[in-house]
C-alpha cells in the first residue's frame, strides 16, 4: 500500500540556470514535494521564473521567503560566496536547508554554520547538495573495498573535467573569491567519494596548480592524498580538458573503473562500473537501474525531515570542506 506523505512546500532562493535540472524536472515524479515560492535579487527575474515554471508565489526578498510560514524548507541556489550567510539566516528562521554545493567556501564559514546549527538544537536539518552521494553505486564500491574479495585497495585515481560554456567574464568559476577554479568547483565530488568509500583519515596531502586561469583561478589542479593505511588517492580537475568524470580503483587483484559517474545527473539514467579481475583477465559489469541523482536527493532530504532517515553528518561535511581548503592552500604556497 502506498504511504501517504505530508506535502512539503519548498522555497527557492536564487534563479540559477540549473533550477530545471535540480528541482523542476525531478519534482515531476515526487508527489509530496512542490515549489511554493521563489525569490531573486531581481524581482523581475523571479517573476519570469515563476511564470515559466508555474511557481505560485514570488517573494519580494530572500528574508520574506525565509520568514514565510508557508515554506517548509529552503533550497539555496545562490552564488557560492553567499551560501554561508543564507544558510545561517535560514537556520535562524527555523527552516530546513538544502543548499547547492559547496556548503560554504572555507573553515571559518563552516564554524559559523555549525554554531547556528547547534543553536537550533536539532530543530532543523542542513544538507549540502552533492547529489552523487544519494545513489547505490558508492555503497557498492565500498562493499568491494571492505570485502577484500580482490585483495587490498592500493590506489584511487580520478579525473573530473569539462570546458565551461559560460562567459569567463561573468561566471563565478572565473573568480577564486567566489569559489571559482576547477578544484573548488569539481574537487568536492572527489572528496565526498573518498569520504564515502574509504574515509578521509590521512597521512599527507598536496596540491599543485599554475593558477593561470582568469583572475588567477586554477584552470587545472592536481591533488594527492596519502590516506591512512597507505592508499594513494590522486585527482585531476580541469576546465581545459574535455569532459570526463571517472574513478579508477586499483586493488591487488582487480581494477575497478567508473567512466561517467555524472551520468545520472542528467535525468533518470543507468550508471555502471566495470571490474577486471587480474587473476583471470575477465571483466564484469556492475549496473544499476535507471535513476536520477536529484530525485534521489529530494527523496532523501524529505525522509530526513520526516525522521525516516538520518541526515548526512554536518561534521563530516565540514571535515571535508576543511581538508579541501588545506589542499588548495598547499598549492597556493608553491606559486
C-alpha atoms as a PDB file:
ATOM      1  CA  UNK A   1       0.000   0.000   0.000  1.00  0.00           C
ATOM      2  CA  UNK A   2       1.371   3.378  -0.975  1.00  0.00           C
ATOM      3  CA  UNK A   3       2.282   5.530   2.022  1.00  0.00           C
ATOM      4  CA  UNK A   4       0.706   8.973   2.072  1.00  0.00           C
ATOM      5  CA  UNK A   5       3.180  11.767   2.716  1.00  0.00           C
ATOM      6  CA  UNK A   6       2.510  15.252   4.013  1.00  0.00           C
ATOM      7  CA  UNK A   7       3.064  17.768   1.224  1.00  0.00           C
ATOM      8  CA  UNK A   8       6.098  19.978   1.796  1.00  0.00           C
ATOM      9  CA  UNK A   9       6.470  23.425   0.307  1.00  0.00           C
ATOM     10  CA  UNK A  10       9.886  24.406  -0.996  1.00  0.00           C
ATOM     11  CA  UNK A  11      11.104  27.982  -1.088  1.00  0.00           C
ATOM     12  CA  UNK A  12      13.785  28.667  -3.688  1.00  0.00           C
ATOM     13  CA  UNK A  13      16.341  31.413  -3.128  1.00  0.00           C
ATOM     14  CA  UNK A  14      18.054  32.321  -6.386  1.00  0.00           C
ATOM     15  CA  UNK A  15      17.194  31.901 -10.061  1.00  0.00           C
ATOM     16  CA  UNK A  16      20.146  29.803 -11.163  1.00  0.00           C
ATOM     17  CA  UNK A  17      20.155  28.279 -14.631  1.00  0.00           C
ATOM     18  CA  UNK A  18      20.315  24.785 -13.104  1.00  0.00           C
ATOM     19  CA  UNK A  19      16.905  25.146 -11.416  1.00  0.00           C
ATOM     20  CA  UNK A  20      15.075  22.997 -14.016  1.00  0.00           C
ATOM     21  CA  UNK A  21      17.598  20.175 -13.728  1.00  0.00           C
ATOM     22  CA  UNK A  22      17.925  20.084  -9.953  1.00  0.00           C
ATOM     23  CA  UNK A  23      14.338  20.841  -8.961  1.00  0.00           C
ATOM     24  CA  UNK A  24      11.699  21.462 -11.644  1.00  0.00           C
ATOM     25  CA  UNK A  25      12.152  18.181 -13.553  1.00  0.00           C
ATOM     26  CA  UNK A  26      12.821  15.941 -10.503  1.00  0.00           C
ATOM     27  CA  UNK A  27       9.700  17.218  -8.732  1.00  0.00           C
ATOM     28  CA  UNK A  28       7.511  15.909 -11.549  1.00  0.00           C
ATOM     29  CA  UNK A  29       7.995  12.418 -10.109  1.00  0.00           C
ATOM     30  CA  UNK A  30       7.615  13.357  -6.412  1.00  0.00           C
ATOM     31  CA  UNK A  31       4.019  13.997  -5.432  1.00  0.00           C
ATOM     32  CA  UNK A  32       4.602  15.213  -1.871  1.00  0.00           C
ATOM     33  CA  UNK A  33       7.096  17.984  -2.699  1.00  0.00           C
ATOM     34  CA  UNK A  34       6.361  21.192  -4.568  1.00  0.00           C
ATOM     35  CA  UNK A  35       7.858  24.625  -5.089  1.00  0.00           C
ATOM     36  CA  UNK A  36       5.654  27.132  -3.301  1.00  0.00           C
ATOM     37  CA  UNK A  37       7.706  30.294  -3.776  1.00  0.00           C
ATOM     38  CA  UNK A  38      10.817  31.835  -5.246  1.00  0.00           C
ATOM     39  CA  UNK A  39      12.879  34.946  -4.670  1.00  0.00           C
ATOM     40  CA  UNK A  40      15.726  36.548  -6.574  1.00  0.00           C
ATOM     41  CA  UNK A  41      17.919  39.595  -6.163  1.00  0.00           C
ATOM     42  CA  UNK A  42      15.996  40.937  -9.137  1.00  0.00           C
ATOM     43  CA  UNK A  43      12.250  40.544  -8.625  1.00  0.00           C
ATOM     44  CA  UNK A  44      11.526  40.608 -12.348  1.00  0.00           C
ATOM     45  CA  UNK A  45      13.717  37.556 -12.824  1.00  0.00           C
ATOM     46  CA  UNK A  46      11.861  35.681 -10.072  1.00  0.00           C
ATOM     47  CA  UNK A  47       8.567  36.673 -11.717  1.00  0.00           C
ATOM     48  CA  UNK A  48       9.814  35.352 -15.048  1.00  0.00           C
ATOM     49  CA  UNK A  49      10.821  32.017 -13.488  1.00  0.00           C
ATOM     50  CA  UNK A  50       7.523  31.807 -11.613  1.00  0.00           C
ATOM     51  CA  UNK A  51       5.554  32.328 -14.814  1.00  0.00           C
ATOM     52  CA  UNK A  52       7.672  29.901 -16.813  1.00  0.00           C
ATOM     53  CA  UNK A  53       7.567  27.086 -14.255  1.00  0.00           C
ATOM     54  CA  UNK A  54       4.219  27.651 -12.563  1.00  0.00           C
ATOM     55  CA  UNK A  55       5.567  28.705  -9.166  1.00  0.00           C
ATOM     56  CA  UNK A  56       2.672  30.163  -7.138  1.00  0.00           C
ATOM     57  CA  UNK A  57       4.370  32.893  -5.103  1.00  0.00           C
ATOM     58  CA  UNK A  58       7.102  35.438  -5.813  1.00  0.00           C
ATOM     59  CA  UNK A  59       8.598  36.917  -2.648  1.00  0.00           C
ATOM     60  CA  UNK A  60       9.932  40.457  -2.562  1.00  0.00           C
ATOM     61  CA  UNK A  61      13.133  39.420  -0.787  1.00  0.00           C
ATOM     62  CA  UNK A  62      15.069  36.412   0.481  1.00  0.00           C
ATOM     63  CA  UNK A  63      14.167  37.416   4.034  1.00  0.00           C
ATOM     64  CA  UNK A  64      10.459  37.467   3.196  1.00  0.00           C
ATOM     65  CA  UNK A  65      10.649  33.982   1.726  1.00  0.00           C
ATOM     66  CA  UNK A  66      12.578  32.626   4.711  1.00  0.00           C
ATOM     67  CA  UNK A  67      10.099  34.154   7.146  1.00  0.00           C
ATOM     68  CA  UNK A  68       7.054  32.744   5.371  1.00  0.00           C
ATOM     69  CA  UNK A  69       5.085  30.220   7.447  1.00  0.00           C
ATOM     70  CA  UNK A  70       4.068  28.557   4.166  1.00  0.00           C
ATOM     71  CA  UNK A  71       7.622  27.369   3.435  1.00  0.00           C
ATOM     72  CA  UNK A  72       8.810  24.034   4.883  1.00  0.00           C
ATOM     73  CA  UNK A  73      12.361  24.051   3.588  1.00  0.00           C
ATOM     74  CA  UNK A  74      14.692  26.337   1.685  1.00  0.00           C
ATOM     75  CA  UNK A  75      16.620  25.398  -1.461  1.00  0.00           C
ATOM     76  CA  UNK A  76      19.544  27.795  -1.859  1.00  0.00           C
ATOM     77  CA  UNK A  77      20.693  28.380  -5.453  1.00  0.00           C
ATOM     78  CA  UNK A  78      22.865  31.451  -4.906  1.00  0.00           C
ATOM     79  CA  UNK A  79      26.495  32.128  -5.820  1.00  0.00           C
ATOM     80  CA  UNK A  80      28.889  30.108  -3.665  1.00  0.00           C
ATOM     81  CA  UNK A  81      30.123  33.079  -1.662  1.00  0.00           C
ATOM     82  CA  UNK A  82      26.567  33.773  -0.450  1.00  0.00           C
ATOM     83  CA  UNK A  83      25.805  30.274   0.790  1.00  0.00           C
ATOM     84  CA  UNK A  84      27.027  30.651   4.369  1.00  0.00           C
ATOM     85  CA  UNK A  85      25.073  33.861   5.017  1.00  0.00           C
ATOM     86  CA  UNK A  86      21.757  32.491   3.797  1.00  0.00           C
ATOM     87  CA  UNK A  87      22.202  29.062   5.363  1.00  0.00           C
ATOM     88  CA  UNK A  88      22.658  30.785   8.718  1.00  0.00           C
ATOM     89  CA  UNK A  89      19.695  33.107   8.187  1.00  0.00           C
ATOM     90  CA  UNK A  90      17.500  30.158   7.181  1.00  0.00           C
ATOM     91  CA  UNK A  91      18.535  28.178  10.253  1.00  0.00           C
ATOM     92  CA  UNK A  92      17.829  31.153  12.483  1.00  0.00           C
ATOM     93  CA  UNK A  93      14.349  31.382  10.929  1.00  0.00           C
ATOM     94  CA  UNK A  94      13.745  27.738  11.855  1.00  0.00           C
ATOM     95  CA  UNK A  95      13.852  26.442   8.287  1.00  0.00           C
ATOM     96  CA  UNK A  96      15.459  23.271   6.969  1.00  0.00           C
ATOM     97  CA  UNK A  97      18.096  23.963   4.289  1.00  0.00           C
ATOM     98  CA  UNK A  98      19.177  22.163   1.144  1.00  0.00           C
ATOM     99  CA  UNK A  99      21.999  24.152  -0.440  1.00  0.00           C
ATOM    100  CA  UNK A 100      23.746  23.559  -3.740  1.00  0.00           C
ATOM    101  CA  UNK A 101      27.367  22.596  -3.277  1.00  0.00           C
ATOM    102  CA  UNK A 102      29.557  23.846  -1.779  1.00  0.00           C
ATOM    103  CA  UNK A 103      28.072  24.203   1.689  1.00  0.00           C
ATOM    104  CA  UNK A 104      30.477  27.105   2.129  1.00  0.00           C
ATOM    105  CA  UNK A 105      33.901  28.271   0.986  1.00  0.00           C
ATOM    106  CA  UNK A 106      36.164  27.691   3.985  1.00  0.00           C
ATOM    107  CA  UNK A 107      36.602  26.594   7.559  1.00  0.00           C
ATOM    108  CA  UNK A 108      35.700  29.981   9.044  1.00  0.00           C
ATOM    109  CA  UNK A 109      32.329  29.962   7.329  1.00  0.00           C
ATOM    110  CA  UNK A 110      31.825  26.340   8.354  1.00  0.00           C
ATOM    111  CA  UNK A 111      32.364  27.246  12.017  1.00  0.00           C
ATOM    112  CA  UNK A 112      29.654  29.909  11.786  1.00  0.00           C
ATOM    113  CA  UNK A 113      27.221  27.493  10.128  1.00  0.00           C
ATOM    114  CA  UNK A 114      27.874  24.835  12.761  1.00  0.00           C
ATOM    115  CA  UNK A 115      27.337  27.340  15.566  1.00  0.00           C
ATOM    116  CA  UNK A 116      23.970  28.366  14.115  1.00  0.00           C
ATOM    117  CA  UNK A 117      23.019  24.725  13.625  1.00  0.00           C
ATOM    118  CA  UNK A 118      23.872  23.884  17.227  1.00  0.00           C
ATOM    119  CA  UNK A 119      21.874  26.860  18.492  1.00  0.00           C
ATOM    120  CA  UNK A 120      18.858  25.405  16.673  1.00  0.00           C
ATOM    121  CA  UNK A 121      19.147  22.356  18.975  1.00  0.00           C
ATOM    122  CA  UNK A 122      18.141  19.757  16.422  1.00  0.00           C
ATOM    123  CA  UNK A 123      15.068  21.596  15.142  1.00  0.00           C
ATOM    124  CA  UNK A 124      16.395  21.996  11.600  1.00  0.00           C
ATOM    125  CA  UNK A 125      18.327  19.909   9.108  1.00  0.00           C
ATOM    126  CA  UNK A 126      21.041  21.139   6.744  1.00  0.00           C
ATOM    127  CA  UNK A 127      22.180  19.204   3.668  1.00  0.00           C
ATOM    128  CA  UNK A 128      24.797  20.093   1.088  1.00  0.00           C
ATOM    129  CA  UNK A 129      23.556  19.254  -2.409  1.00  0.00           C
ATOM    130  CA  UNK A 130      26.233  16.809  -3.502  1.00  0.00           C
ATOM    131  CA  UNK A 131      23.785  14.689  -5.415  1.00  0.00           C
ATOM    132  CA  UNK A 132      26.124  11.780  -6.223  1.00  0.00           C
ATOM    133  CA  UNK A 133      26.016  10.567  -2.617  1.00  0.00           C
ATOM    134  CA  UNK A 134      22.371   9.530  -2.979  1.00  0.00           C
ATOM    135  CA  UNK A 135      22.929   6.577  -5.286  1.00  0.00           C
ATOM    136  CA  UNK A 136      23.761   2.931  -4.507  1.00  0.00           C
ATOM    137  CA  UNK A 137      26.907   2.819  -6.647  1.00  0.00           C
ATOM    138  CA  UNK A 138      29.041   4.350  -3.912  1.00  0.00           C
ATOM    139  CA  UNK A 139      27.906   1.752  -1.377  1.00  0.00           C
ATOM    140  CA  UNK A 140      28.632  -0.986  -3.920  1.00  0.00           C
ATOM    141  CA  UNK A 141      32.201   0.294  -4.350  1.00  0.00           C
ATOM    142  CA  UNK A 142      32.625   0.481  -0.581  1.00  0.00           C
ATOM    143  CA  UNK A 143      31.452  -3.116  -0.224  1.00  0.00           C
ATOM    144  CA  UNK A 144      34.057  -4.219  -2.787  1.00  0.00           C
ATOM    145  CA  UNK A 145      36.749  -2.494  -0.737  1.00  0.00           C
ATOM    146  CA  UNK A 146      35.546  -3.762   2.635  1.00  0.00           C
ATOM    147  CA  UNK A 147      35.038  -7.356   1.449  1.00  0.00           C
ATOM    148  CA  UNK A 148      38.640  -7.613   0.183  1.00  0.00           C
ATOM    149  CA  UNK A 149      37.437 -10.076  -2.442  1.00  0.00           C
ATOM    150  CA  UNK A 150      40.074  -8.607  -4.763  1.00  0.00           C
ATOM    151  CA  UNK A 151      42.642  -8.090  -2.057  1.00  0.00           C
ATOM    152  CA  UNK A 152      43.519  -4.761  -0.516  1.00  0.00           C
ATOM    153  CA  UNK A 153      42.892  -1.434  -2.209  1.00  0.00           C
ATOM    154  CA  UNK A 154      46.137   0.119  -3.467  1.00  0.00           C
ATOM    155  CA  UNK A 155      45.181   3.411  -5.079  1.00  0.00           C
ATOM    156  CA  UNK A 156      42.355   5.558  -6.440  1.00  0.00           C
ATOM    157  CA  UNK A 157      42.838   7.913  -9.378  1.00  0.00           C
ATOM    158  CA  UNK A 158      40.163  10.336 -10.527  1.00  0.00           C
ATOM    159  CA  UNK A 159      39.699  12.831 -13.337  1.00  0.00           C
ATOM    160  CA  UNK A 160      36.887  15.391 -13.355  1.00  0.00           C
ATOM    161  CA  UNK A 161      36.956  17.887 -16.196  1.00  0.00           C
ATOM    162  CA  UNK A 162      34.907  19.857 -18.670  1.00  0.00           C
ATOM    163  CA  UNK A 163      35.230  23.034 -20.719  1.00  0.00           C
ATOM    164  CA  UNK A 164      32.735  25.639 -19.435  1.00  0.00           C
ATOM    165  CA  UNK A 165      30.375  27.126 -21.986  1.00  0.00           C
ATOM    166  CA  UNK A 166      29.572  30.190 -19.883  1.00  0.00           C
ATOM    167  CA  UNK A 167      31.309  33.521 -20.357  1.00  0.00           C
ATOM    168  CA  UNK A 168      34.554  33.700 -18.415  1.00  0.00           C
ATOM    169  CA  UNK A 169      33.890  37.378 -17.811  1.00  0.00           C
ATOM    170  CA  UNK A 170      30.880  36.904 -15.527  1.00  0.00           C
ATOM    171  CA  UNK A 171      30.729  33.273 -14.394  1.00  0.00           C
ATOM    172  CA  UNK A 172      31.665  32.542 -10.779  1.00  0.00           C
ATOM    173  CA  UNK A 173      34.138  29.900 -11.939  1.00  0.00           C
ATOM    174  CA  UNK A 174      36.452  32.720 -13.027  1.00  0.00           C
ATOM    175  CA  UNK A 175      36.594  34.312  -9.575  1.00  0.00           C
ATOM    176  CA  UNK A 176      38.545  32.464  -6.853  1.00  0.00           C
ATOM    177  CA  UNK A 177      36.990  34.570  -4.096  1.00  0.00           C
ATOM    178  CA  UNK A 178      33.551  33.308  -5.138  1.00  0.00           C
ATOM    179  CA  UNK A 179      34.556  29.663  -5.021  1.00  0.00           C
ATOM    180  CA  UNK A 180      35.787  29.600  -8.601  1.00  0.00           C
ATOM    181  CA  UNK A 181      38.503  27.489 -10.140  1.00  0.00           C
ATOM    182  CA  UNK A 182      38.342  23.824 -11.062  1.00  0.00           C
ATOM    183  CA  UNK A 183      39.336  22.341  -7.697  1.00  0.00           C
ATOM    184  CA  UNK A 184      36.660  24.084  -5.646  1.00  0.00           C
ATOM    185  CA  UNK A 185      34.047  23.520  -8.321  1.00  0.00           C
ATOM    186  CA  UNK A 186      34.803  19.850  -9.015  1.00  0.00           C
ATOM    187  CA  UNK A 187      37.086  18.566  -6.261  1.00  0.00           C
ATOM    188  CA  UNK A 188      34.200  18.279  -3.811  1.00  0.00           C
ATOM    189  CA  UNK A 189      32.912  15.251  -5.763  1.00  0.00           C
ATOM    190  CA  UNK A 190      36.259  13.514  -5.320  1.00  0.00           C
ATOM    191  CA  UNK A 191      36.438  14.386  -1.635  1.00  0.00           C
ATOM    192  CA  UNK A 192      32.914  13.115  -0.990  1.00  0.00           C
ATOM    193  CA  UNK A 193      33.630   9.878  -2.868  1.00  0.00           C
ATOM    194  CA  UNK A 194      36.771   9.224  -0.839  1.00  0.00           C
ATOM    195  CA  UNK A 195      34.950  10.023   2.379  1.00  0.00           C
ATOM    196  CA  UNK A 196      32.154   7.602   1.476  1.00  0.00           C
ATOM    197  CA  UNK A 197      34.252   4.598   0.444  1.00  0.00           C
ATOM    198  CA  UNK A 198      37.466   4.805   2.492  1.00  0.00           C
ATOM    199  CA  UNK A 199      37.218   7.821   4.796  1.00  0.00           C
ATOM    200  CA  UNK A 200      39.406  10.912   4.904  1.00  0.00           C
ATOM    201  CA  UNK A 201      41.869   9.967   7.640  1.00  0.00           C
ATOM    202  CA  UNK A 202      45.187  10.758   6.012  1.00  0.00           C
ATOM    203  CA  UNK A 203      48.944  10.872   6.466  1.00  0.00           C
ATOM    204  CA  UNK A 204      49.710  13.645   3.997  1.00  0.00           C
ATOM    205  CA  UNK A 205      48.308  15.701   1.129  1.00  0.00           C
ATOM    206  CA  UNK A 206      49.491  18.126  -1.543  1.00  0.00           C
ATOM    207  CA  UNK A 207      48.069  20.238  -4.337  1.00  0.00           C
ATOM    208  CA  UNK A 208      49.560  21.775  -7.472  1.00  0.00           C
ATOM    209  CA  UNK A 209      48.304  24.349  -9.965  1.00  0.00           C
ATOM    210  CA  UNK A 210      49.711  27.091 -12.145  1.00  0.00           C
ATOM    211  CA  UNK A 211      46.687  29.262 -11.208  1.00  0.00           C
ATOM    212  CA  UNK A 212      46.789  30.622 -14.740  1.00  0.00           C
ATOM    213  CA  UNK A 213      43.059  30.835 -15.375  1.00  0.00           C
ATOM    214  CA  UNK A 214      41.017  34.070 -15.356  1.00  0.00           C
ATOM    215  CA  UNK A 215      41.754  36.238 -12.319  1.00  0.00           C
ATOM    216  CA  UNK A 216      44.277  33.693 -11.065  1.00  0.00           C
ATOM    217  CA  UNK A 217      41.777  30.860 -10.851  1.00  0.00           C
ATOM    218  CA  UNK A 218      43.076  27.293 -11.079  1.00  0.00           C
ATOM    219  CA  UNK A 219      42.016  26.144 -14.523  1.00  0.00           C
ATOM    220  CA  UNK A 220      43.747  22.788 -13.918  1.00  0.00           C
ATOM    221  CA  UNK A 221      44.540  21.366 -10.481  1.00  0.00           C
ATOM    222  CA  UNK A 222      46.382  18.244  -9.333  1.00  0.00           C
ATOM    223  CA  UNK A 223      45.762  16.845  -5.842  1.00  0.00           C
ATOM    224  CA  UNK A 224      47.101  13.865  -3.931  1.00  0.00           C
ATOM    225  CA  UNK A 225      46.208  12.398  -0.559  1.00  0.00           C
ATOM    226  CA  UNK A 226      48.031   9.566   1.165  1.00  0.00           C
ATOM    227  CA  UNK A 227      45.224   8.047   3.168  1.00  0.00           C
ATOM    228  CA  UNK A 228      45.599   6.231   6.465  1.00  0.00           C
ATOM    229  CA  UNK A 229      46.743   2.695   5.705  1.00  0.00           C
ATOM    230  CA  UNK A 230      48.764   3.769   2.684  1.00  0.00           C
ATOM    231  CA  UNK A 231      46.131   4.079  -0.051  1.00  0.00           C
ATOM    232  CA  UNK A 232      47.161   6.749  -2.561  1.00  0.00           C
ATOM    233  CA  UNK A 233      44.369   8.929  -3.944  1.00  0.00           C
ATOM    234  CA  UNK A 234      45.010  11.332  -6.814  1.00  0.00           C
ATOM    235  CA  UNK A 235      42.843  13.779  -8.719  1.00  0.00           C
ATOM    236  CA  UNK A 236      42.998  15.999 -11.769  1.00  0.00           C
ATOM    237  CA  UNK A 237      40.335  18.681 -12.139  1.00  0.00           C
ATOM    238  CA  UNK A 238      40.291  20.909 -15.185  1.00  0.00           C
ATOM    239  CA  UNK A 239      38.335  23.463 -17.187  1.00  0.00           C
ATOM    240  CA  UNK A 240      40.770  22.922 -20.090  1.00  0.00           C
ATOM    241  CA  UNK A 241      40.333  19.192 -20.737  1.00  0.00           C
ATOM    242  CA  UNK A 242      37.397  17.526 -22.471  1.00  0.00           C
ATOM    243  CA  UNK A 243      34.538  16.199 -20.380  1.00  0.00           C
ATOM    244  CA  UNK A 244      35.423  13.332 -18.074  1.00  0.00           C
ATOM    245  CA  UNK A 245      34.107  12.128 -14.725  1.00  0.00           C
ATOM    246  CA  UNK A 246      35.986   8.956 -13.858  1.00  0.00           C
ATOM    247  CA  UNK A 247      37.269   6.980 -10.893  1.00  0.00           C
ATOM    248  CA  UNK A 248      39.751   4.101 -11.243  1.00  0.00           C
ATOM    249  CA  UNK A 249      40.474   1.898  -8.244  1.00  0.00           C
ATOM    250  CA  UNK A 250      43.482  -0.408  -8.231  1.00  0.00           C
ATOM    251  CA  UNK A 251      43.243  -3.469  -5.987  1.00  0.00           C
ATOM    252  CA  UNK A 252      45.798  -6.238  -5.529  1.00  0.00           C
ATOM    253  CA  UNK A 253      43.826  -8.448  -7.904  1.00  0.00           C
ATOM    254  CA  UNK A 254      41.480  -6.180  -9.816  1.00  0.00           C
ATOM    255  CA  UNK A 255      40.906  -2.818 -11.468  1.00  0.00           C
ATOM    256  CA  UNK A 256      37.548  -1.107 -10.987  1.00  0.00           C
ATOM    257  CA  UNK A 257      36.644   1.612 -13.491  1.00  0.00           C
ATOM    258  CA  UNK A 258      33.737   4.027 -13.433  1.00  0.00           C
ATOM    259  CA  UNK A 259      33.903   6.135 -16.560  1.00  0.00           C
ATOM    260  CA  UNK A 260      30.968   8.542 -16.226  1.00  0.00           C
ATOM    261  CA  UNK A 261      29.738   8.956 -12.684  1.00  0.00           C
ATOM    262  CA  UNK A 262      27.938  12.232 -13.532  1.00  0.00           C
ATOM    263  CA  UNK A 263      25.606  10.450 -15.952  1.00  0.00           C
ATOM    264  CA  UNK A 264      22.589  10.234 -13.612  1.00  0.00           C
ATOM    265  CA  UNK A 265      22.668  13.968 -13.018  1.00  0.00           C
ATOM    266  CA  UNK A 266      21.079  14.485 -16.449  1.00  0.00           C
ATOM    267  CA  UNK A 267      17.911  12.549 -15.644  1.00  0.00           C
ATOM    268  CA  UNK A 268      16.798   9.019 -14.819  1.00  0.00           C
ATOM    269  CA  UNK A 269      19.674   7.115 -16.391  1.00  0.00           C
ATOM    270  CA  UNK A 270      21.668   3.972 -15.755  1.00  0.00           C
ATOM    271  CA  UNK A 271      25.181   4.110 -14.361  1.00  0.00           C
ATOM    272  CA  UNK A 272      27.649   1.257 -14.109  1.00  0.00           C
ATOM    273  CA  UNK A 273      31.236   0.361 -13.365  1.00  0.00           C
ATOM    274  CA  UNK A 274      33.367  -2.496 -14.624  1.00  0.00           C
ATOM    275  CA  UNK A 275      35.599  -4.857 -12.697  1.00  0.00           C
ATOM    276  CA  UNK A 276      38.598  -6.505 -14.354  1.00  0.00           C
ATOM    277  CA  UNK A 277      39.877  -9.488 -12.367  1.00  0.00           C
ATOM    278  CA  UNK A 278      43.651  -9.504 -12.880  1.00  0.00           C
ATOM    279  CA  UNK A 279      43.865 -13.199 -11.921  1.00  0.00           C
ATOM    280  CA  UNK A 280      41.595 -14.335 -14.762  1.00  0.00           C
ATOM    281  CA  UNK A 281      41.595 -11.325 -17.100  1.00  0.00           C
ATOM    282  CA  UNK A 282      37.796 -11.474 -17.052  1.00  0.00           C
ATOM    283  CA  UNK A 283      35.796  -8.249 -16.991  1.00  0.00           C
ATOM    284  CA  UNK A 284      32.342  -7.940 -15.470  1.00  0.00           C
ATOM    285  CA  UNK A 285      29.939  -5.022 -15.259  1.00  0.00           C
ATOM    286  CA  UNK A 286      28.032  -3.831 -12.208  1.00  0.00           C
ATOM    287  CA  UNK A 287      24.968  -1.895 -13.374  1.00  0.00           C
ATOM    288  CA  UNK A 288      22.241  -0.005 -11.556  1.00  0.00           C
ATOM    289  CA  UNK A 289      18.653   0.637 -12.547  1.00  0.00           C
ATOM    290  CA  UNK A 290      17.934   3.984 -14.145  1.00  0.00           C
ATOM    291  CA  UNK A 291      17.522   6.662 -11.511  1.00  0.00           C
ATOM    292  CA  UNK A 292      18.125  10.376 -11.085  1.00  0.00           C
ATOM    293  CA  UNK A 293      20.594  11.804  -8.602  1.00  0.00           C
ATOM    294  CA  UNK A 294      18.344  14.792  -7.998  1.00  0.00           C
ATOM    295  CA  UNK A 295      15.182  12.752  -7.476  1.00  0.00           C
ATOM    296  CA  UNK A 296      17.105  10.600  -5.011  1.00  0.00           C
ATOM    297  CA  UNK A 297      18.443  13.676  -3.241  1.00  0.00           C
ATOM    298  CA  UNK A 298      14.992  15.203  -2.796  1.00  0.00           C
ATOM    299  CA  UNK A 299      13.541  11.927  -1.541  1.00  0.00           C
ATOM    300  CA  UNK A 300      16.432  11.631   0.901  1.00  0.00           C
ATOM    301  CA  UNK A 301      16.075  15.117   2.333  1.00  0.00           C
ATOM    302  CA  UNK A 302      12.311  14.727   2.655  1.00  0.00           C
ATOM    303  CA  UNK A 303      12.895  11.469   4.558  1.00  0.00           C
ATOM    304  CA  UNK A 304      15.380  13.245   6.820  1.00  0.00           C
ATOM    305  CA  UNK A 305      12.870  15.985   7.623  1.00  0.00           C
ATOM    306  CA  UNK A 306      10.203  13.359   8.366  1.00  0.00           C
ATOM    307  CA  UNK A 307      12.552  11.429  10.663  1.00  0.00           C
ATOM    308  CA  UNK A 308      12.653   8.379   8.402  1.00  0.00           C
ATOM    309  CA  UNK A 309      16.399   8.542   7.692  1.00  0.00           C
ATOM    310  CA  UNK A 310      19.376  10.101   9.484  1.00  0.00           C
ATOM    311  CA  UNK A 311      20.944  13.062   7.739  1.00  0.00           C
ATOM    312  CA  UNK A 312      24.454  13.227   6.338  1.00  0.00           C
ATOM    313  CA  UNK A 313      26.607  14.365   9.241  1.00  0.00           C
ATOM    314  CA  UNK A 314      27.256  18.107   9.180  1.00  0.00           C
ATOM    315  CA  UNK A 315      30.557  17.452  10.961  1.00  0.00           C
ATOM    316  CA  UNK A 316      31.605  15.063   8.182  1.00  0.00           C
ATOM    317  CA  UNK A 317      30.687  17.666   5.569  1.00  0.00           C
ATOM    318  CA  UNK A 318      32.722  20.310   7.382  1.00  0.00           C
ATOM    319  CA  UNK A 319      35.708  17.951   7.771  1.00  0.00           C
ATOM    320  CA  UNK A 320      35.730  17.503   4.005  1.00  0.00           C
ATOM    321  CA  UNK A 321      35.495  21.228   3.319  1.00  0.00           C
ATOM    322  CA  UNK A 322      38.351  21.986   5.717  1.00  0.00           C
ATOM    323  CA  UNK A 323      40.598  19.342   4.116  1.00  0.00           C
ATOM    324  CA  UNK A 324      39.801  20.614   0.629  1.00  0.00           C
ATOM    325  CA  UNK A 325      40.695  24.140   1.721  1.00  0.00           C
ATOM    326  CA  UNK A 326      44.010  22.851   3.136  1.00  0.00           C
ATOM    327  CA  UNK A 327      44.892  21.087  -0.128  1.00  0.00           C
ATOM    328  CA  UNK A 328      44.071  24.235  -2.089  1.00  0.00           C
ATOM    329  CA  UNK A 329      46.226  26.364   0.197  1.00  0.00           C
ATOM    330  CA  UNK A 330      49.140  23.918  -0.123  1.00  0.00           C
ATOM    331  CA  UNK A 331      49.109  24.587  -3.872  1.00  0.00           C
ATOM    332  CA  UNK A 332      48.902  28.353  -3.376  1.00  0.00           C
ATOM    333  CA  UNK A 333      52.013  28.255  -1.208  1.00  0.00           C
ATOM    334  CA  UNK A 334      54.006  26.777  -4.079  1.00  0.00           C
ATOM    335  CA  UNK A 335      53.213  29.556  -6.558  1.00  0.00           C
END
